[in-house]
């Protein structure tokens, strides 16, 4: 996997750009800003992008980070792309359920299942 920044790693599989979030906690404003900048740059540079965002390493996220995901989804969809999420730990799945973001985002148990959904 090619490292794109200290907060993400990315690779391509066919037409899908797989982005792995590397921090265990996305709570601090500086981390959130760096993640947002990195993801927005990918969305802009590769538009229209079909992005699979993997949360394998992430244990905790702030509401600010959730806002970043909402903005990213809107931006990607406006350019004709798509955003899917995978590998959320149980605690994060609960946050998405409580905030009802699970109704907005396509969330998959693992990246292989998410990749198959693009076919």
PDB file of N, CA and C in Angstrom:
ATOM      1  N   UNK A   1       0.843  -1.172   0.000  1.00  0.00           N
ATOM      2  CA  UNK A   1       0.000   0.000   0.000  1.00  0.00           C
ATOM      3  C   UNK A   1       0.890   1.238   0.000  1.00  0.00           C
ATOM      4  N   UNK A   2       0.597   2.153  -0.881  1.00  0.00           N
ATOM      5  CA  UNK A   2       1.390   3.363  -1.015  1.00  0.00           C
ATOM      6  C   UNK A   2       0.891   4.412  -0.027  1.00  0.00           C
ATOM      7  N   UNK A   3       1.793   4.959   0.779  1.00  0.00           N
ATOM      8  CA  UNK A   3       1.390   5.956   1.755  1.00  0.00           C
ATOM      9  C   UNK A   3       1.283   7.307   1.078  1.00  0.00           C
ATOM     10  N   UNK A   4       0.136   7.959   1.237  1.00  0.00           N
ATOM     11  CA  UNK A   4      -0.088   9.244   0.612  1.00  0.00           C
ATOM     12  C   UNK A   4       0.153  10.382   1.594  1.00  0.00           C
ATOM     13  N   UNK A   5       0.012  10.142   2.873  1.00  0.00           N
ATOM     14  CA  UNK A   5       0.208  11.133   3.920  1.00  0.00           C
ATOM     15  C   UNK A   5       0.261  10.398   5.251  1.00  0.00           C
ATOM     16  N   UNK A   6       0.590  11.097   6.333  1.00  0.00           N
ATOM     17  CA  UNK A   6       0.617  10.426   7.625  1.00  0.00           C
ATOM     18  C   UNK A   6      -0.765   9.959   8.109  1.00  0.00           C
ATOM     19  N   UNK A   7      -1.842  10.477   7.531  1.00  0.00           N
ATOM     20  CA  UNK A   7      -3.173  10.127   8.016  1.00  0.00           C
ATOM     21  C   UNK A   7      -3.931   9.160   7.120  1.00  0.00           C
ATOM     22  N   UNK A   8      -3.457   8.981   5.901  1.00  0.00           N
ATOM     23  CA  UNK A   8      -4.151   8.061   4.992  1.00  0.00           C
ATOM     24  C   UNK A   8      -3.145   7.248   4.186  1.00  0.00           C
ATOM     25  N   UNK A   9      -3.631   6.136   3.684  1.00  0.00           N
ATOM     26  CA  UNK A   9      -2.889   5.354   2.701  1.00  0.00           C
ATOM     27  C   UNK A   9      -3.878   5.070   1.582  1.00  0.00           C
ATOM     28  N   UNK A  10      -3.418   5.076   0.349  1.00  0.00           N
ATOM     29  CA  UNK A  10      -4.363   4.819  -0.730  1.00  0.00           C
ATOM     30  C   UNK A  10      -3.794   3.868  -1.756  1.00  0.00           C
ATOM     31  N   UNK A  11      -4.747   3.200  -2.409  1.00  0.00           N
ATOM     32  CA  UNK A  11      -4.423   2.290  -3.511  1.00  0.00           C
ATOM     33  C   UNK A  11      -5.654   2.230  -4.399  1.00  0.00           C
ATOM     34  N   UNK A  12      -5.435   1.792  -5.613  1.00  0.00           N
ATOM     35  CA  UNK A  12      -6.540   1.673  -6.562  1.00  0.00           C
ATOM     36  C   UNK A  12      -6.798   0.213  -6.860  1.00  0.00           C
ATOM     37  N   UNK A  13      -8.052  -0.100  -7.010  1.00  0.00           N
ATOM     38  CA  UNK A  13      -8.460  -1.438  -7.436  1.00  0.00           C
ATOM     39  C   UNK A  13      -9.512  -1.240  -8.520  1.00  0.00           C
ATOM     40  N   UNK A  14      -9.082  -1.388  -9.752  1.00  0.00           N
ATOM     41  CA  UNK A  14      -9.969  -1.082 -10.867  1.00  0.00           C
ATOM     42  C   UNK A  14     -10.286   0.404 -10.845  1.00  0.00           C
ATOM     43  N   UNK A  15     -11.564   0.718 -10.881  1.00  0.00           N
ATOM     44  CA  UNK A  15     -11.995   2.111 -10.886  1.00  0.00           C
ATOM     45  C   UNK A  15     -12.237   2.656  -9.484  1.00  0.00           C
ATOM     46  N   UNK A  16     -11.942   1.861  -8.463  1.00  0.00           N
ATOM     47  CA  UNK A  16     -12.207   2.262  -7.078  1.00  0.00           C
ATOM     48  C   UNK A  16     -10.912   2.706  -6.407  1.00  0.00           C
ATOM     49  N   UNK A  17     -10.963   3.848  -5.760  1.00  0.00           N
ATOM     50  CA  UNK A  17      -9.844   4.332  -4.966  1.00  0.00           C
ATOM     51  C   UNK A  17     -10.110   3.950  -3.513  1.00  0.00           C
ATOM     52  N   UNK A  18      -9.248   3.106  -2.971  1.00  0.00           N
ATOM     53  CA  UNK A  18      -9.398   2.643  -1.590  1.00  0.00           C
ATOM     54  C   UNK A  18      -8.527   3.541  -0.708  1.00  0.00           C
ATOM     55  N   UNK A  19      -9.173   4.184   0.252  1.00  0.00           N
ATOM     56  CA  UNK A  19      -8.475   5.081   1.160  1.00  0.00           C
ATOM     57  C   UNK A  19      -8.583   4.500   2.571  1.00  0.00           C
ATOM     58  N   UNK A  20      -7.443   4.212   3.148  1.00  0.00           N
ATOM     59  CA  UNK A  20      -7.369   3.664   4.505  1.00  0.00           C
ATOM     60  C   UNK A  20      -7.033   4.809   5.457  1.00  0.00           C
ATOM     61  N   UNK A  21      -7.927   5.049   6.413  1.00  0.00           N
ATOM     62  CA  UNK A  21      -7.640   6.046   7.442  1.00  0.00           C
ATOM     63  C   UNK A  21      -6.707   5.405   8.468  1.00  0.00           C
ATOM     64  N   UNK A  22      -5.595   6.045   8.757  1.00  0.00           N
ATOM     65  CA  UNK A  22      -4.569   5.444   9.597  1.00  0.00           C
ATOM     66  C   UNK A  22      -4.641   5.817  11.086  1.00  0.00           C
ATOM     67  N   UNK A  23      -5.118   7.005  11.453  1.00  0.00           N
ATOM     68  CA  UNK A  23      -5.134   7.330  12.884  1.00  0.00           C
ATOM     69  C   UNK A  23      -6.140   6.467  13.653  1.00  0.00           C
ATOM     70  N   UNK A  24      -5.776   6.100  14.881  1.00  0.00           N
ATOM     71  CA  UNK A  24      -6.727   5.384  15.735  1.00  0.00           C
ATOM     72  C   UNK A  24      -7.808   6.322  16.245  1.00  0.00           C
ATOM     73  N   UNK A  25      -7.440   7.577  16.424  1.00  0.00           N
ATOM     74  CA  UNK A  25      -8.394   8.576  16.901  1.00  0.00           C
ATOM     75  C   UNK A  25      -8.390   9.774  15.965  1.00  0.00           C
ATOM     76  N   UNK A  26      -9.583  10.148  15.542  1.00  0.00           N
ATOM     77  CA  UNK A  26      -9.739  11.346  14.719  1.00  0.00           C
ATOM     78  C   UNK A  26     -10.577  12.305  15.554  1.00  0.00           C
ATOM     79  N   UNK A  27      -9.905  12.915  16.519  1.00  0.00           N
ATOM     80  CA  UNK A  27     -10.568  13.762  17.506  1.00  0.00           C
ATOM     81  C   UNK A  27     -10.011  15.180  17.501  1.00  0.00           C
ATOM     82  N   UNK A  28      -8.712  15.296  17.379  1.00  0.00           N
ATOM     83  CA  UNK A  28      -8.018  16.572  17.431  1.00  0.00           C
ATOM     84  C   UNK A  28      -8.288  17.375  16.160  1.00  0.00           C
ATOM     85  N   UNK A  29      -8.491  18.670  16.326  1.00  0.00           N
ATOM     86  CA  UNK A  29      -8.806  19.532  15.173  1.00  0.00           C
ATOM     87  C   UNK A  29      -7.729  19.477  14.092  1.00  0.00           C
ATOM     88  N   UNK A  30      -6.468  19.375  14.501  1.00  0.00           N
ATOM     89  CA  UNK A  30      -5.406  19.339  13.487  1.00  0.00           C
ATOM     90  C   UNK A  30      -5.449  18.033  12.692  1.00  0.00           C
ATOM     91  N   UNK A  31      -5.767  16.927  13.345  1.00  0.00           N
ATOM     92  CA  UNK A  31      -5.898  15.644  12.641  1.00  0.00           C
ATOM     93  C   UNK A  31      -7.100  15.692  11.705  1.00  0.00           C
ATOM     94  N   UNK A  32      -8.208  16.214  12.189  1.00  0.00           N
ATOM     95  CA  UNK A  32      -9.424  16.330  11.372  1.00  0.00           C
ATOM     96  C   UNK A  32      -9.132  17.180  10.140  1.00  0.00           C
ATOM     97  N   UNK A  33      -8.458  18.310  10.330  1.00  0.00           N
ATOM     98  CA  UNK A  33      -8.147  19.201   9.208  1.00  0.00           C
ATOM     99  C   UNK A  33      -7.242  18.502   8.191  1.00  0.00           C
ATOM    100  N   UNK A  34      -6.282  17.744   8.673  1.00  0.00           N
ATOM    101  CA  UNK A  34      -5.367  17.049   7.759  1.00  0.00           C
ATOM    102  C   UNK A  34      -6.103  15.959   6.986  1.00  0.00           C
ATOM    103  N   UNK A  35      -6.980  15.214   7.670  1.00  0.00           N
ATOM    104  CA  UNK A  35      -7.780  14.181   7.003  1.00  0.00           C
ATOM    105  C   UNK A  35      -8.672  14.829   5.944  1.00  0.00           C
ATOM    106  N   UNK A  36      -9.334  15.929   6.311  1.00  0.00           N
ATOM    107  CA  UNK A  36     -10.223  16.603   5.360  1.00  0.00           C
ATOM    108  C   UNK A  36      -9.443  17.099   4.140  1.00  0.00           C
ATOM    109  N   UNK A  37      -8.293  17.698   4.381  1.00  0.00           N
ATOM    110  CA  UNK A  37      -7.480  18.200   3.270  1.00  0.00           C
ATOM    111  C   UNK A  37      -7.048  17.057   2.350  1.00  0.00           C
ATOM    112  N   UNK A  38      -6.619  15.958   2.932  1.00  0.00           N
ATOM    113  CA  UNK A  38      -6.172  14.808   2.140  1.00  0.00           C
ATOM    114  C   UNK A  38      -7.310  14.211   1.323  1.00  0.00           C
ATOM    115  N   UNK A  39      -8.463  14.008   1.958  1.00  0.00           N
ATOM    116  CA  UNK A  39      -9.603  13.408   1.262  1.00  0.00           C
ATOM    117  C   UNK A  39     -10.160  14.331   0.190  1.00  0.00           C
ATOM    118  N   UNK A  40     -10.229  15.621   0.479  1.00  0.00           N
ATOM    119  CA  UNK A  40     -10.723  16.591  -0.507  1.00  0.00           C
ATOM    120  C   UNK A  40      -9.801  16.662  -1.713  1.00  0.00           C
ATOM    121  N   UNK A  41      -8.503  16.592  -1.454  1.00  0.00           N
ATOM    122  CA  UNK A  41      -7.530  16.619  -2.544  1.00  0.00           C
ATOM    123  C   UNK A  41      -7.713  15.412  -3.466  1.00  0.00           C
ATOM    124  N   UNK A  42      -7.902  14.243  -2.887  1.00  0.00           N
ATOM    125  CA  UNK A  42      -8.142  13.037  -3.691  1.00  0.00           C
ATOM    126  C   UNK A  42      -9.424  13.196  -4.502  1.00  0.00           C
ATOM    127  N   UNK A  43     -10.486  13.676  -3.843  1.00  0.00           N
ATOM    128  CA  UNK A  43     -11.768  13.851  -4.527  1.00  0.00           C
ATOM    129  C   UNK A  43     -11.646  14.829  -5.694  1.00  0.00           C
ATOM    130  N   UNK A  44     -10.892  15.901  -5.494  1.00  0.00           N
ATOM    131  CA  UNK A  44     -10.721  16.902  -6.553  1.00  0.00           C
ATOM    132  C   UNK A  44      -9.831  16.380  -7.678  1.00  0.00           C
ATOM    133  N   UNK A  45      -8.702  15.783  -7.318  1.00  0.00           N
ATOM    134  CA  UNK A  45      -7.722  15.348  -8.310  1.00  0.00           C
ATOM    135  C   UNK A  45      -8.210  14.175  -9.152  1.00  0.00           C
ATOM    136  N   UNK A  46      -9.100  13.354  -8.607  1.00  0.00           N
ATOM    137  CA  UNK A  46      -9.523  12.138  -9.296  1.00  0.00           C
ATOM    138  C   UNK A  46     -10.986  12.172  -9.733  1.00  0.00           C
ATOM    139  N   UNK A  47     -11.608  13.337  -9.670  1.00  0.00           N
ATOM    140  CA  UNK A  47     -13.035  13.454  -9.982  1.00  0.00           C
ATOM    141  C   UNK A  47     -13.331  12.960 -11.394  1.00  0.00           C
ATOM    142  N   UNK A  48     -14.416  12.241 -11.593  1.00  0.00           N
ATOM    143  CA  UNK A  48     -15.278  11.682 -10.550  1.00  0.00           C
ATOM    144  C   UNK A  48     -14.623  10.447  -9.921  1.00  0.00           C
ATOM    145  N   UNK A  49     -14.554  10.415  -8.624  1.00  0.00           N
ATOM    146  CA  UNK A  49     -13.892   9.330  -7.913  1.00  0.00           C
ATOM    147  C   UNK A  49     -14.922   8.397  -7.275  1.00  0.00           C
ATOM    148  N   UNK A  50     -14.615   7.124  -7.317  1.00  0.00           N
ATOM    149  CA  UNK A  50     -15.402   6.125  -6.589  1.00  0.00           C
ATOM    150  C   UNK A  50     -14.515   5.710  -5.423  1.00  0.00           C
ATOM    151  N   UNK A  51     -14.795   6.285  -4.252  1.00  0.00           N
ATOM    152  CA  UNK A  51     -13.936   6.148  -3.097  1.00  0.00           C
ATOM    153  C   UNK A  51     -14.517   5.162  -2.089  1.00  0.00           C
ATOM    154  N   UNK A  52     -13.661   4.259  -1.656  1.00  0.00           N
ATOM    155  CA  UNK A  52     -13.991   3.343  -0.567  1.00  0.00           C
ATOM    156  C   UNK A  52     -13.126   3.747   0.613  1.00  0.00           C
ATOM    157  N   UNK A  53     -13.757   4.223   1.659  1.00  0.00           N
ATOM    158  CA  UNK A  53     -13.067   4.707   2.843  1.00  0.00           C
ATOM    159  C   UNK A  53     -13.077   3.612   3.902  1.00  0.00           C
ATOM    160  N   UNK A  54     -11.892   3.114   4.267  1.00  0.00           N
ATOM    161  CA  UNK A  54     -11.767   2.011   5.220  1.00  0.00           C
ATOM    162  C   UNK A  54     -11.351   2.521   6.596  1.00  0.00           C
ATOM    163  N   UNK A  55     -12.029   2.031   7.603  1.00  0.00           N
ATOM    164  CA  UNK A  55     -11.846   2.479   8.981  1.00  0.00           C
ATOM    165  C   UNK A  55     -11.194   1.414   9.862  1.00  0.00           C
ATOM    166  N   UNK A  56     -10.416   0.528   9.303  1.00  0.00           N
ATOM    167  CA  UNK A  56      -9.828  -0.585  10.031  1.00  0.00           C
ATOM    168  C   UNK A  56      -9.092  -0.135  11.290  1.00  0.00           C
ATOM    169  N   UNK A  57      -8.347   0.953  11.209  1.00  0.00           N
ATOM    170  CA  UNK A  57      -7.524   1.417  12.327  1.00  0.00           C
ATOM    171  C   UNK A  57      -8.262   2.350  13.285  1.00  0.00           C
ATOM    172  N   UNK A  58      -9.357   2.937  12.839  1.00  0.00           N
ATOM    173  CA  UNK A  58     -10.017   4.011  13.591  1.00  0.00           C
ATOM    174  C   UNK A  58     -10.877   3.450  14.725  1.00  0.00           C
ATOM    175  N   UNK A  59     -10.595   3.942  15.930  1.00  0.00           N
ATOM    176  CA  UNK A  59     -11.375   3.545  17.104  1.00  0.00           C
ATOM    177  C   UNK A  59     -12.374   4.620  17.512  1.00  0.00           C
ATOM    178  N   UNK A  60     -11.979   5.882  17.365  1.00  0.00           N
ATOM    179  CA  UNK A  60     -12.822   6.995  17.813  1.00  0.00           C
ATOM    180  C   UNK A  60     -12.779   8.133  16.801  1.00  0.00           C
ATOM    181  N   UNK A  61     -13.954   8.791  16.640  1.00  0.00           N
ATOM    182  CA  UNK A  61     -14.068   9.962  15.770  1.00  0.00           C
ATOM    183  C   UNK A  61     -14.916  11.004  16.476  1.00  0.00           C
ATOM    184  N   UNK A  62     -14.597  12.256  16.242  1.00  0.00           N
ATOM    185  CA  UNK A  62     -15.400  13.341  16.804  1.00  0.00           C
ATOM    186  C   UNK A  62     -16.542  13.700  15.864  1.00  0.00           C
ATOM    187  N   UNK A  63     -17.441  14.526  16.366  1.00  0.00           N
ATOM    188  CA  UNK A  63     -18.545  14.990  15.522  1.00  0.00           C
ATOM    189  C   UNK A  63     -18.009  15.834  14.370  1.00  0.00           C
ATOM    190  N   UNK A  64     -16.884  16.525  14.600  1.00  0.00           N
ATOM    191  CA  UNK A  64     -16.254  17.293  13.525  1.00  0.00           C
ATOM    192  C   UNK A  64     -15.802  16.400  12.380  1.00  0.00           C
ATOM    193  N   UNK A  65     -15.285  15.220  12.720  1.00  0.00           N
ATOM    194  CA  UNK A  65     -14.866  14.266  11.697  1.00  0.00           C
ATOM    195  C   UNK A  65     -16.068  13.723  10.932  1.00  0.00           C
ATOM    196  N   UNK A  66     -17.176  13.536  11.630  1.00  0.00           N
ATOM    197  CA  UNK A  66     -18.407  13.092  10.956  1.00  0.00           C
ATOM    198  C   UNK A  66     -18.882  14.153   9.967  1.00  0.00           C
ATOM    199  N   UNK A  67     -18.731  15.418  10.344  1.00  0.00           N
ATOM    200  CA  UNK A  67     -19.076  16.512   9.440  1.00  0.00           C
ATOM    201  C   UNK A  67     -18.218  16.500   8.183  1.00  0.00           C
ATOM    202  N   UNK A  68     -16.942  16.177   8.350  1.00  0.00           N
ATOM    203  CA  UNK A  68     -16.035  16.066   7.202  1.00  0.00           C
ATOM    204  C   UNK A  68     -16.554  14.999   6.241  1.00  0.00           C
ATOM    205  N   UNK A  69     -16.989  13.865   6.779  1.00  0.00           N
ATOM    206  CA  UNK A  69     -17.500  12.784   5.921  1.00  0.00           C
ATOM    207  C   UNK A  69     -18.753  13.227   5.172  1.00  0.00           C
ATOM    208  N   UNK A  70     -19.636  13.957   5.837  1.00  0.00           N
ATOM    209  CA  UNK A  70     -20.849  14.453   5.165  1.00  0.00           C
ATOM    210  C   UNK A  70     -20.497  15.385   4.015  1.00  0.00           C
ATOM    211  N   UNK A  71     -19.587  16.307   4.267  1.00  0.00           N
ATOM    212  CA  UNK A  71     -19.175  17.252   3.211  1.00  0.00           C
ATOM    213  C   UNK A  71     -18.491  16.520   2.065  1.00  0.00           C
ATOM    214  N   UNK A  72     -17.651  15.551   2.404  1.00  0.00           N
ATOM    215  CA  UNK A  72     -16.955  14.776   1.377  1.00  0.00           C
ATOM    216  C   UNK A  72     -17.942  14.022   0.499  1.00  0.00           C
ATOM    217  N   UNK A  73     -18.919  13.398   1.114  1.00  0.00           N
ATOM    218  CA  UNK A  73     -19.930  12.643   0.357  1.00  0.00           C
ATOM    219  C   UNK A  73     -20.662  13.563  -0.619  1.00  0.00           C
ATOM    220  N   UNK A  74     -21.093  14.718  -0.134  1.00  0.00           N
ATOM    221  CA  UNK A  74     -21.794  15.674  -1.003  1.00  0.00           C
ATOM    222  C   UNK A  74     -20.915  16.118  -2.169  1.00  0.00           C
ATOM    223  N   UNK A  75     -19.666  16.431  -1.871  1.00  0.00           N
ATOM    224  CA  UNK A  75     -18.735  16.890  -2.903  1.00  0.00           C
ATOM    225  C   UNK A  75     -18.497  15.804  -3.954  1.00  0.00           C
ATOM    226  N   UNK A  76     -18.252  14.590  -3.498  1.00  0.00           N
ATOM    227  CA  UNK A  76     -17.978  13.490  -4.429  1.00  0.00           C
ATOM    228  C   UNK A  76     -19.194  13.202  -5.306  1.00  0.00           C
ATOM    229  N   UNK A  77     -20.375  13.203  -4.714  1.00  0.00           N
ATOM    230  CA  UNK A  77     -21.590  12.908  -5.488  1.00  0.00           C
ATOM    231  C   UNK A  77     -21.905  14.008  -6.487  1.00  0.00           C
ATOM    232  N   UNK A  78     -21.583  15.267  -6.158  1.00  0.00           N
ATOM    233  CA  UNK A  78     -21.815  16.368  -7.098  1.00  0.00           C
ATOM    234  C   UNK A  78     -20.967  16.236  -8.353  1.00  0.00           C
ATOM    235  N   UNK A  79     -19.828  15.570  -8.229  1.00  0.00           N
ATOM    236  CA  UNK A  79     -18.940  15.396  -9.388  1.00  0.00           C
ATOM    237  C   UNK A  79     -19.180  14.065 -10.096  1.00  0.00           C
ATOM    238  N   UNK A  80     -20.222  13.332  -9.679  1.00  0.00           N
ATOM    239  CA  UNK A  80     -20.564  12.079 -10.346  1.00  0.00           C
ATOM    240  C   UNK A  80     -19.901  10.845  -9.775  1.00  0.00           C
ATOM    241  N   UNK A  81     -19.271  10.982  -8.617  1.00  0.00           N
ATOM    242  CA  UNK A  81     -18.611   9.843  -7.983  1.00  0.00           C
ATOM    243  C   UNK A  81     -19.463   9.227  -6.894  1.00  0.00           C
ATOM    244  N   UNK A  82     -18.826   8.376  -6.103  1.00  0.00           N
ATOM    245  CA  UNK A  82     -19.531   7.725  -4.994  1.00  0.00           C
ATOM    246  C   UNK A  82     -18.572   7.511  -3.833  1.00  0.00           C
ATOM    247  N   UNK A  83     -19.150   7.452  -2.636  1.00  0.00           N
ATOM    248  CA  UNK A  83     -18.386   7.223  -1.422  1.00  0.00           C
ATOM    249  C   UNK A  83     -19.042   6.096  -0.646  1.00  0.00           C
ATOM    250  N   UNK A  84     -18.245   5.079  -0.321  1.00  0.00           N
ATOM    251  CA  UNK A  84     -18.721   3.959   0.489  1.00  0.00           C
ATOM    252  C   UNK A  84     -17.758   3.779   1.653  1.00  0.00           C
ATOM    253  N   UNK A  85     -18.273   3.270   2.766  1.00  0.00           N
ATOM    254  CA  UNK A  85     -17.472   3.074   3.972  1.00  0.00           C
ATOM    255  C   UNK A  85     -17.392   1.595   4.301  1.00  0.00           C
ATOM    256  N   UNK A  86     -16.276   1.180   4.900  1.00  0.00           N
ATOM    257  CA  UNK A  86     -16.101  -0.227   5.269  1.00  0.00           C
ATOM    258  C   UNK A  86     -15.226  -0.347   6.510  1.00  0.00           C
ATOM    259  N   UNK A  87     -15.320  -1.511   7.140  1.00  0.00           N
ATOM    260  CA  UNK A  87     -14.470  -1.889   8.265  1.00  0.00           C
ATOM    261  C   UNK A  87     -14.649  -1.008   9.500  1.00  0.00           C
ATOM    262  N   UNK A  88     -15.885  -0.562   9.756  1.00  0.00           N
ATOM    263  CA  UNK A  88     -16.127   0.217  10.956  1.00  0.00           C
ATOM    264  C   UNK A  88     -16.189  -0.714  12.165  1.00  0.00           C
ATOM    265  N   UNK A  89     -15.475  -0.358  13.202  1.00  0.00           N
ATOM    266  CA  UNK A  89     -15.543  -1.120  14.451  1.00  0.00           C
ATOM    267  C   UNK A  89     -16.924  -0.940  15.067  1.00  0.00           C
ATOM    268  N   UNK A  90     -17.258  -1.825  16.000  1.00  0.00           N
ATOM    269  CA  UNK A  90     -18.593  -1.803  16.614  1.00  0.00           C
ATOM    270  C   UNK A  90     -18.947  -0.438  17.206  1.00  0.00           C
ATOM    271  N   UNK A  91     -18.000   0.190  17.893  1.00  0.00           N
ATOM    272  CA  UNK A  91     -18.264   1.494  18.500  1.00  0.00           C
ATOM    273  C   UNK A  91     -18.597   2.556  17.471  1.00  0.00           C
ATOM    274  N   UNK A  92     -17.887   2.554  16.352  1.00  0.00           N
ATOM    275  CA  UNK A  92     -18.176   3.522  15.289  1.00  0.00           C
ATOM    276  C   UNK A  92     -19.495   3.211  14.605  1.00  0.00           C
ATOM    277  N   UNK A  93     -19.781   1.940  14.427  1.00  0.00           N
ATOM    278  CA  UNK A  93     -21.077   1.568  13.844  1.00  0.00           C
ATOM    279  C   UNK A  93     -22.213   2.098  14.712  1.00  0.00           C
ATOM    280  N   UNK A  94     -22.036   2.024  16.019  1.00  0.00           N
ATOM    281  CA  UNK A  94     -23.058   2.526  16.942  1.00  0.00           C
ATOM    282  C   UNK A  94     -23.227   4.035  16.802  1.00  0.00           C
ATOM    283  N   UNK A  95     -22.116   4.765  16.663  1.00  0.00           N
ATOM    284  CA  UNK A  95     -22.187   6.218  16.471  1.00  0.00           C
ATOM    285  C   UNK A  95     -22.951   6.539  15.188  1.00  0.00           C
ATOM    286  N   UNK A  96     -22.666   5.826  14.117  1.00  0.00           N
ATOM    287  CA  UNK A  96     -23.365   6.058  12.852  1.00  0.00           C
ATOM    288  C   UNK A  96     -24.855   5.724  12.986  1.00  0.00           C
ATOM    289  N   UNK A  97     -25.176   4.696  13.769  1.00  0.00           N
ATOM    290  CA  UNK A  97     -26.574   4.325  13.970  1.00  0.00           C
ATOM    291  C   UNK A  97     -27.305   5.388  14.800  1.00  0.00           C
ATOM    292  N   UNK A  98     -26.703   5.814  15.895  1.00  0.00           N
ATOM    293  CA  UNK A  98     -27.330   6.809  16.784  1.00  0.00           C
ATOM    294  C   UNK A  98     -27.556   8.129  16.054  1.00  0.00           C
ATOM    295  N   UNK A  99     -26.585   8.541  15.249  1.00  0.00           N
ATOM    296  CA  UNK A  99     -26.693   9.797  14.509  1.00  0.00           C
ATOM    297  C   UNK A  99     -27.480   9.643  13.209  1.00  0.00           C
ATOM    298  N   UNK A 100     -27.885   8.434  12.921  1.00  0.00           N
ATOM    299  CA  UNK A 100     -28.631   8.060  11.723  1.00  0.00           C
ATOM    300  C   UNK A 100     -27.839   8.288  10.436  1.00  0.00           C
ATOM    301  N   UNK A 101     -26.529   8.385  10.564  1.00  0.00           N
ATOM    302  CA  UNK A 101     -25.682   8.502   9.384  1.00  0.00           C
ATOM    303  C   UNK A 101     -25.621   7.182   8.621  1.00  0.00           C
ATOM    304  N   UNK A 102     -26.003   6.101   9.280  1.00  0.00           N
ATOM    305  CA  UNK A 102     -26.064   4.804   8.587  1.00  0.00           C
ATOM    306  C   UNK A 102     -27.141   4.804   7.510  1.00  0.00           C
ATOM    307  N   UNK A 103     -28.047   5.765   7.554  1.00  0.00           N
ATOM    308  CA  UNK A 103     -29.079   5.893   6.515  1.00  0.00           C
ATOM    309  C   UNK A 103     -28.577   6.706   5.322  1.00  0.00           C
ATOM    310  N   UNK A 104     -27.520   7.466   5.545  1.00  0.00           N
ATOM    311  CA  UNK A 104     -26.970   8.338   4.507  1.00  0.00           C
ATOM    312  C   UNK A 104     -25.823   7.665   3.768  1.00  0.00           C
ATOM    313  N   UNK A 105     -24.985   6.954   4.511  1.00  0.00           N
ATOM    314  CA  UNK A 105     -23.812   6.312   3.940  1.00  0.00           C
ATOM    315  C   UNK A 105     -24.062   4.837   3.659  1.00  0.00           C
ATOM    316  N   UNK A 106     -23.430   4.352   2.595  1.00  0.00           N
ATOM    317  CA  UNK A 106     -23.399   2.912   2.336  1.00  0.00           C
ATOM    318  C   UNK A 106     -22.248   2.358   3.160  1.00  0.00           C
ATOM    319  N   UNK A 107     -22.579   1.504   4.142  1.00  0.00           N
ATOM    320  CA  UNK A 107     -21.573   0.964   5.050  1.00  0.00           C
ATOM    321  C   UNK A 107     -21.518  -0.553   4.879  1.00  0.00           C
ATOM    322  N   UNK A 108     -20.292  -1.060   4.703  1.00  0.00           N
ATOM    323  CA  UNK A 108     -20.080  -2.491   4.477  1.00  0.00           C
ATOM    324  C   UNK A 108     -19.199  -3.063   5.584  1.00  0.00           C
ATOM    325  N   UNK A 109     -19.394  -4.349   5.893  1.00  0.00           N
ATOM    326  CA  UNK A 109     -18.625  -4.951   6.992  1.00  0.00           C
ATOM    327  C   UNK A 109     -17.127  -5.062   6.696  1.00  0.00           C
ATOM    328  N   UNK A 110     -16.762  -5.183   5.421  1.00  0.00           N
ATOM    329  CA  UNK A 110     -15.351  -5.295   5.058  1.00  0.00           C
ATOM    330  C   UNK A 110     -15.143  -4.729   3.655  1.00  0.00           C
ATOM    331  N   UNK A 111     -13.889  -4.495   3.312  1.00  0.00           N
ATOM    332  CA  UNK A 111     -13.626  -3.836   2.028  1.00  0.00           C
ATOM    333  C   UNK A 111     -13.922  -4.742   0.833  1.00  0.00           C
ATOM    334  N   UNK A 112     -13.796  -6.061   0.982  1.00  0.00           N
ATOM    335  CA  UNK A 112     -14.105  -6.950  -0.140  1.00  0.00           C
ATOM    336  C   UNK A 112     -15.585  -6.898  -0.505  1.00  0.00           C
ATOM    337  N   UNK A 113     -16.445  -6.870   0.507  1.00  0.00           N
ATOM    338  CA  UNK A 113     -17.887  -6.777   0.263  1.00  0.00           C
ATOM    339  C   UNK A 113     -18.206  -5.426  -0.392  1.00  0.00           C
ATOM    340  N   UNK A 114     -17.557  -4.385   0.081  1.00  0.00           N
ATOM    341  CA  UNK A 114     -17.775  -3.060  -0.500  1.00  0.00           C
ATOM    342  C   UNK A 114     -17.296  -3.008  -1.945  1.00  0.00           C
ATOM    343  N   UNK A 115     -16.130  -3.582  -2.220  1.00  0.00           N
ATOM    344  CA  UNK A 115     -15.632  -3.611  -3.598  1.00  0.00           C
ATOM    345  C   UNK A 115     -16.577  -4.369  -4.514  1.00  0.00           C
ATOM    346  N   UNK A 116     -17.130  -5.477  -4.033  1.00  0.00           N
ATOM    347  CA  UNK A 116     -18.057  -6.260  -4.834  1.00  0.00           C
ATOM    348  C   UNK A 116     -19.316  -5.460  -5.179  1.00  0.00           C
ATOM    349  N   UNK A 117     -19.682  -4.517  -4.332  1.00  0.00           N
ATOM    350  CA  UNK A 117     -20.888  -3.714  -4.573  1.00  0.00           C
ATOM    351  C   UNK A 117     -20.716  -2.763  -5.752  1.00  0.00           C
ATOM    352  N   UNK A 118     -19.490  -2.515  -6.172  1.00  0.00           N
ATOM    353  CA  UNK A 118     -19.240  -1.652  -7.324  1.00  0.00           C
ATOM    354  C   UNK A 118     -19.451  -2.374  -8.651  1.00  0.00           C
ATOM    355  N   UNK A 119     -19.487  -3.696  -8.618  1.00  0.00           N
ATOM    356  CA  UNK A 119     -19.653  -4.471  -9.857  1.00  0.00           C
ATOM    357  C   UNK A 119     -21.068  -4.436 -10.368  1.00  0.00           C
TER     358      UNK A 119
END
